Each structure stands twice: as structure tokens, then as C-alpha cells.
Protein backbone atom coordinates (compact mmCIF):
# COMPACT_ATOMS: atom_id res chain seq x y z
CA MET A 1 46.13 -105.97 88.44
CA MET A 2 47.60 -103.55 91.03
CA CYS A 3 51.13 -104.93 91.40
CA CYS A 4 54.48 -102.51 91.33
CA GLY A 5 53.73 -99.12 89.98
CA ALA A 6 49.96 -99.59 90.99
CA VAL A 7 49.03 -101.07 87.59
CA LEU A 8 45.39 -102.20 86.98
CA THR A 9 45.08 -104.67 84.36
CA LEU A 10 41.83 -103.69 81.68
CA ALA A 11 41.98 -106.68 79.20
CA ALA A 12 38.45 -107.39 80.06
CA LEU A 13 37.33 -103.76 79.63
CA VAL A 14 37.82 -104.13 75.95
CA SER A 15 37.14 -107.79 75.78
CA ALA A 16 33.90 -107.39 77.31
CA SER A 17 32.62 -105.66 74.47
CA GLY A 18 32.96 -108.29 72.14
CA VAL A 19 35.01 -105.90 69.59
CA ALA A 20 38.13 -106.44 70.83
CA ARG A 21 37.85 -110.52 70.47
CA ALA A 22 35.58 -110.42 67.83
CA GLU A 23 34.98 -114.20 66.93
CA GLY A 24 38.22 -114.64 68.95
CA ALA A 25 36.56 -116.25 71.97
CA GLU A 26 36.01 -119.08 69.86
CA ALA A 27 40.06 -119.35 68.54
CA LYS A 28 41.96 -122.19 70.42
CA PRO A 29 45.75 -122.40 70.53
CA GLU A 30 47.35 -125.22 68.04
CA ALA A 31 49.01 -127.91 69.48
CA SER A 32 52.36 -126.39 69.48
CA LEU A 33 53.59 -123.18 70.71
CA ALA A 34 56.52 -122.90 68.85
CA PRO A 35 57.16 -119.48 66.70
CA VAL A 36 55.93 -120.17 63.04
CA GLU A 37 57.31 -118.70 59.68
CA VAL A 38 54.64 -117.29 57.40
CA VAL A 39 55.50 -116.20 53.68
CA GLY A 40 53.61 -113.34 52.60
CA LYS A 41 50.28 -111.65 53.26
CA ARG A 42 49.13 -112.94 56.54
CA SER A 43 46.05 -112.88 58.47
CA PRO A 44 45.63 -111.59 62.37
CA ASP A 45 44.79 -113.51 65.17
CA PRO A 46 41.37 -113.35 65.78
CA ALA A 47 42.08 -113.59 69.79
CA VAL A 48 44.08 -110.59 69.51
CA MET A 49 42.83 -106.93 69.75
CA PRO A 50 42.51 -105.47 66.38
CA ALA A 51 45.26 -102.98 65.68
CA LYS A 52 43.01 -100.21 64.50
CA PHE A 53 41.11 -100.60 67.70
CA ILE A 54 44.45 -100.14 69.76
CA TYR A 55 45.11 -97.00 68.20
CA LYS A 56 41.92 -95.87 68.98
CA ILE A 57 42.43 -96.43 72.48
CA ASP A 58 46.04 -95.13 72.28
CA ARG A 59 45.07 -91.91 70.80
CA ILE A 60 42.42 -91.39 73.73
CA ALA A 61 45.39 -91.96 76.38
CA GLN A 62 47.42 -89.43 74.36
CA LYS A 63 44.80 -87.00 74.55
CA HIS A 64 43.95 -87.55 78.33
CA GLY A 65 47.68 -88.41 79.02
CA ASN A 66 49.38 -86.30 81.96
CA GLU A 67 51.76 -86.46 84.73
CA THR A 68 49.10 -88.68 87.07
CA VAL A 69 48.03 -91.90 84.76
CA ARG A 70 49.69 -93.72 82.37
CA LEU A 71 47.83 -96.44 79.93
CA ASP A 72 50.22 -99.15 78.36
CA PHE A 73 49.43 -102.00 76.14
CA LYS A 74 50.57 -105.48 77.20
CA VAL A 75 51.04 -108.55 75.57
CA VAL A 76 50.09 -111.72 77.62
CA GLY A 77 50.89 -115.22 77.13
CA LYS A 78 48.78 -118.64 77.73
CA ASN A 79 47.54 -118.75 81.33
CA GLY A 80 47.93 -114.74 81.84
CA GLY A 81 51.97 -115.03 82.14
CA ARG A 82 54.23 -113.34 79.99
CA PRO A 83 54.67 -113.66 76.07
CA ALA A 84 56.73 -116.72 75.05
CA ARG A 85 60.04 -116.12 74.09
CA GLY A 86 60.67 -115.38 70.70
CA THR A 87 57.39 -113.75 69.98
CA LYS A 88 57.36 -111.11 67.37
CA ILE A 89 54.88 -108.51 66.46
CA GLU A 90 54.53 -106.64 63.15
CA ILE A 91 51.86 -104.43 61.48
CA GLU A 92 50.67 -105.03 58.00
CA PHE A 93 48.41 -103.39 55.91
CA ASP A 94 45.31 -104.32 54.31
CA ASP A 95 45.35 -101.43 51.62
CA GLY A 96 47.78 -103.17 49.27
CA SER A 97 50.42 -101.46 50.69
CA GLU A 98 53.71 -104.01 51.36
CA GLU A 99 54.87 -102.16 53.63
CA VAL A 100 55.80 -104.03 57.46
CA LEU A 101 56.40 -102.27 60.73
CA ASP A 102 57.97 -103.67 63.54
CA VAL A 103 56.27 -103.37 67.03
CA GLY A 104 58.43 -102.93 70.15
CA LEU A 105 57.92 -105.78 72.53
CA ASP A 106 59.94 -105.69 76.25
CA ALA A 107 60.62 -109.03 78.17
CA LYS A 108 57.24 -108.05 80.46
CA GLY A 109 55.00 -107.73 77.48
CA LEU A 110 54.83 -104.09 77.25
CA VAL A 111 54.11 -102.51 73.62
CA ARG A 112 55.66 -99.89 71.89
CA LEU A 113 53.35 -98.73 68.83
CA PRO A 114 55.13 -97.35 65.73
CA PRO A 115 53.46 -94.13 65.21
CA LEU A 116 50.50 -93.83 62.51
CA SER A 117 48.30 -91.41 60.96
CA VAL A 118 43.98 -91.77 61.94
CA GLU A 119 43.69 -92.64 58.45
CA ARG A 120 46.55 -95.41 58.58
CA SER A 121 45.81 -97.39 61.24
CA GLU A 122 42.60 -97.89 60.13
CA HIS A 123 43.99 -100.19 57.24
CA ALA A 124 46.60 -101.66 59.89
CA LYS A 125 46.59 -105.46 60.81
CA LEU A 126 48.63 -106.97 63.85
CA ILE A 127 50.57 -109.84 63.17
CA THR A 128 52.16 -112.16 65.47
CA ASN A 129 54.43 -115.28 64.88
CA GLN A 130 52.49 -117.29 67.67
CA PRO A 131 49.82 -119.92 66.95
CA LYS A 132 46.43 -118.23 66.73
CA GLY A 133 44.69 -118.05 70.37
CA SER A 134 48.21 -118.50 72.46
CA MET A 135 48.29 -114.87 73.32
CA GLY A 136 46.10 -111.50 73.39
CA VAL A 137 46.75 -107.91 74.13
CA GLY A 138 45.26 -105.99 77.19
CA LEU A 139 45.14 -102.71 78.72
CA GLU A 140 46.90 -101.47 81.84
CA LEU A 141 46.21 -98.41 83.75
CA ASP A 142 49.09 -96.92 86.01
CA VAL A 143 48.58 -94.15 88.58
CA LEU A 144 51.90 -92.56 89.10
CA ALA A 145 51.41 -90.59 91.82
CA LYS A 146 53.14 -92.07 95.06
CA PRO A 147 50.93 -92.46 98.57
CA ALA A 148 53.90 -90.55 100.30
CA THR A 149 53.65 -87.26 98.15
CA LEU A 150 49.82 -87.42 96.59
CA SER A 151 48.25 -84.30 97.69
CA PRO A 152 44.56 -83.54 97.16
CA ALA A 153 45.04 -81.59 94.23
CA VAL A 154 47.03 -84.42 92.42
CA LEU A 155 44.33 -86.86 93.70
CA GLN A 156 41.80 -85.01 91.98
CA LYS A 157 43.61 -84.71 88.82
CA THR A 158 44.07 -88.41 88.74
CA ASP A 159 40.66 -89.09 89.52
CA GLN A 160 39.34 -86.70 86.63
CA THR A 161 41.65 -87.98 84.39
CA LEU A 162 40.89 -91.91 84.71
CA ARG A 163 36.70 -90.91 84.53
CA ALA A 164 37.68 -89.40 81.35
CA MET A 165 39.74 -91.60 79.77
CA VAL A 166 37.50 -94.57 80.66
CA THR A 167 34.15 -92.25 79.42
CA ASP A 168 36.16 -91.78 76.28
CA PHE A 169 37.05 -95.73 75.86
CA LYS A 170 33.20 -96.50 76.02
CA GLY A 171 32.36 -94.05 73.42
CA LEU A 172 34.02 -96.38 70.88
CA LEU A 173 31.48 -98.87 71.33
CA PRO A 174 27.83 -98.97 70.10
CA TRP A 175 25.53 -97.90 72.81
CA ALA A 176 24.63 -101.49 73.22
CA PHE A 177 27.72 -102.23 74.33
CA ARG A 178 28.59 -99.52 76.36
CA TRP A 179 26.87 -100.60 80.08
CA LEU A 180 29.30 -103.75 79.40
CA ILE A 181 32.04 -101.48 80.51
CA PRO A 182 32.36 -100.89 84.27
CA ASP A 183 33.05 -97.07 85.48
CA VAL A 184 36.08 -95.87 87.57
CA SER A 185 34.85 -95.25 91.34
CA GLY A 186 38.19 -93.46 91.95
CA VAL A 187 41.73 -93.77 92.94
CA ALA A 188 42.27 -96.83 95.18
CA LEU A 189 44.80 -96.97 98.23
CA CYS A 190 45.71 -100.73 98.96
CA GLN A 191 47.51 -102.28 101.57
CA PRO A 192 48.03 -105.92 102.95
CA ILE A 193 45.37 -106.80 105.19
CA GLY A 194 46.58 -106.47 109.06
CA GLU A 195 48.62 -103.46 108.50
CA PRO A 196 47.87 -100.67 110.56
CA PRO A 197 45.24 -98.60 108.66
CA GLY A 198 46.86 -95.12 106.86
CA HIS A 199 45.18 -91.56 107.46
CA TRP A 200 45.29 -88.11 106.15
CA GLN A 201 47.53 -85.97 108.01
CA TRP A 202 47.80 -82.00 107.93
CA ALA A 203 48.65 -79.03 110.14
CA ASN A 204 45.57 -79.10 112.26
CA GLY A 205 43.87 -82.44 111.93
CA SER A 206 43.78 -85.60 110.21
CA SER A 207 41.04 -88.08 109.02
CA ARG A 208 41.25 -92.03 109.23
CA LEU A 209 40.74 -93.44 105.71
CA LEU A 210 37.95 -96.39 105.39
CA TYR A 211 38.79 -99.44 104.30
CA LEU A 212 35.80 -100.86 102.66
CA TYR A 213 36.86 -103.16 99.65
CA GLU A 214 39.41 -105.63 99.58
CA THR A 215 41.27 -107.45 96.46
CA ASP A 216 43.70 -110.00 95.37
CA GLN A 217 45.13 -108.01 92.68
CA PHE A 218 48.10 -106.47 94.63
CA GLY A 219 52.02 -107.58 95.09
CA ASP A 220 54.50 -108.44 92.17
CA GLU A 221 53.57 -110.74 90.02
CA ASP A 222 56.61 -110.69 87.99
CA GLU A 223 58.05 -114.29 88.92
CA ALA A 224 54.35 -115.74 88.58
CA ALA A 225 54.13 -114.10 85.26
CA GLU A 226 57.64 -115.56 84.12
CA ALA A 227 56.67 -118.71 84.86
CA GLY A 228 53.04 -118.62 83.22
CA ASP A 229 51.66 -119.60 86.65
CA LYS A 230 49.54 -116.79 87.88
CA LYS A 231 47.01 -118.49 89.98
CA ALA A 232 49.66 -120.03 92.06
CA ALA A 233 51.29 -116.64 92.94
CA LYS A 234 47.93 -115.61 94.08
CA VAL A 235 47.02 -118.36 96.35
CA GLU A 236 50.57 -117.08 98.24
CA LYS A 237 49.99 -113.52 98.19
CA PRO A 238 47.45 -111.99 101.27
CA LYS A 239 44.47 -110.23 100.23
CA SER A 240 44.56 -106.51 100.51
CA GLN A 241 42.36 -103.92 102.16
CA CYS A 242 41.59 -100.72 100.19
CA ALA A 243 40.00 -97.52 100.55
CA ILE A 244 38.79 -95.19 97.61
CA LEU A 245 40.34 -91.90 98.47
CA SER A 246 38.74 -88.71 98.24
CA ALA A 247 39.80 -85.13 98.16
CA ARG A 248 36.61 -83.40 99.47
CA GLY A 249 36.87 -81.18 102.47
CA LEU A 250 40.90 -81.95 102.80
CA PRO A 251 43.01 -78.96 103.05
CA GLU A 252 46.08 -78.77 100.65
CA ASP A 253 48.68 -79.74 103.06
CA ALA A 254 46.99 -82.94 103.78
CA ARG A 255 49.11 -85.78 102.91
CA LEU A 256 48.81 -89.57 103.28
CA GLN A 257 50.32 -91.77 106.63
CA VAL A 258 50.30 -95.28 105.43
CA PRO A 259 52.39 -97.98 105.64
CA ALA A 260 55.22 -98.44 103.06
CA SER A 261 53.63 -101.62 101.21
CA ALA A 262 50.58 -98.99 100.52
CA LYS A 263 50.23 -98.50 96.68
CA LEU A 264 47.92 -96.45 94.85
CA GLY A 265 45.85 -97.52 91.68
CA PRO A 266 42.43 -97.14 89.87
CA TRP A 267 39.08 -98.98 91.23
CA ILE A 268 37.10 -100.10 88.56
CA ASN A 269 34.10 -101.18 89.56
CA GLY A 270 33.78 -105.05 89.46
CA LEU A 271 37.34 -105.58 88.21
CA THR A 272 39.86 -104.27 90.76
CA GLY A 273 38.07 -106.12 93.69
CA ARG A 274 35.23 -106.27 95.74
CA LYS A 275 33.20 -104.77 98.68
CA SER A 276 34.98 -106.11 102.02
CA ARG A 277 32.57 -108.41 103.78
CA SER A 278 33.96 -107.24 107.41
């Protein structure tokens, strides 16, 4: 999802493998969505990404993390909206330990994981107080650079980081499933259709951007997410035209000249958008 902060949701990336959700695709929410209180050892929700898989992804994010890209885990409620009020997540362990760790969760659903060693994370279980099948955990990749300050060097570093990160995500899966995870095309710049096209500008020249793609994953979906009505929000937002950026052949003093509404984000084949018909 490209929105404020140029964020792309990658929930489909992990669910496509069948590993993250395991048998959870069959899970259905119970009739009541009120928080439930369970005493003693609890079983994880099969519709939620397993904790040990989350920690493996988090270690990849830390390995490649730098000032260009950030990865977050995000809890989503029914219909892709924000998690239900009162949602609580804890980590228990299947090694006989009675230890219970709280998982941080802000109002927008962003997760703050308690640090665990590799060995400890193998025994971790993610436990929620919500009915099984009523929520999920997805990934968001955020390109941190802003269009006005993006240099060719930063663009190249961002592109390399995104590709390395997704390659390592694929490495978590058996060979038979890796083809299901789409590749990164690069860093995209998106802006509402109808706004003036952008270009690279430098001291002795310029180069126009080629808007070959379009998406409806653009804009601020906070209000829609809060209401849990994502579909309605997308109808109200205009489609955006997107250009995949390349630093090839650009002098170091080149800078983007684009509308203020333009956003940067990762372009993931088949997830972010599609090739323009125009």
C-alpha cells in the first residue's frame, strides 16, 4: 500500500507461500469479535503469521536495514482495517517456559517485537485476545527518501537494499514456493493522474520520467482503515501514474522535479499496480 510515508503492504508476499498462514486460509472468524480471556497455555491463531517466521523476517530487515528502507510488521483487522480496539498480542513459548512477553501495538496496528535470540524465537508463539481468523499480520516496506532530496546515489542504494531484502525473504522458503513471491522492479515514483509529469534536472540538462504504470494504492488510507472500509476509500481516490526510477546515466547533481503530491515507494511486480493501458 503506497500511502503517507510511501508504504507498500507485503502481506501477500508471505501468505502466497502457504508458510505464513499454513492452514489458516480455512480459518473463519467466530460470531463475536469481542476480546476473549483464556487461562493457561493458549494456541496460536492459524490465520496469523507464525512468530518464528516473523522473527526470521525481522532479522533480515535488521541485516539490510539502513537510512533508505524500513520494514514494519502491521496488524490488520477484518476487511483490512485497523485492529479491533482492545487487541492485545503476547508471546508464549512451547518449550515448557511460563514466560509471557507483551508485544507492542500502536493505534495504527504497527508492531514492536520484544527482542529474542534465534534459539528462543524458534519456540515462540504469537497469542492474541481476538477470535481466531479475525485478524492478520502483514509486512510493510517503506522507502524513507523524499522525492525532493533523492539523489542518484541514494536511489541506487535504495534499489539494492530492496532487492537484497526480498531475495532473502525468498530464501526462507523451499525452492518450490520461491517463484510465488514477486520480484522488486525498483523504486517507483507515483502521483495522481492528471498532474504535470516530473523529470530529473541537473546543471546542464534534464530527463523526463516515463510513467508506464498505474496503481490505486496511493493516498492516505488512515480514515478508511479506522472505519475498516478500505474498498470505499479506494473508490474515492484517483488512480495514480507511476514511473520506475533508474540512476543509470544520471550525474550526481541530478534531482527530481515533481509535484508535491508525488510519493516514493517500492514497486513489487503484481502487487503495487499494473502496466498502464494508455
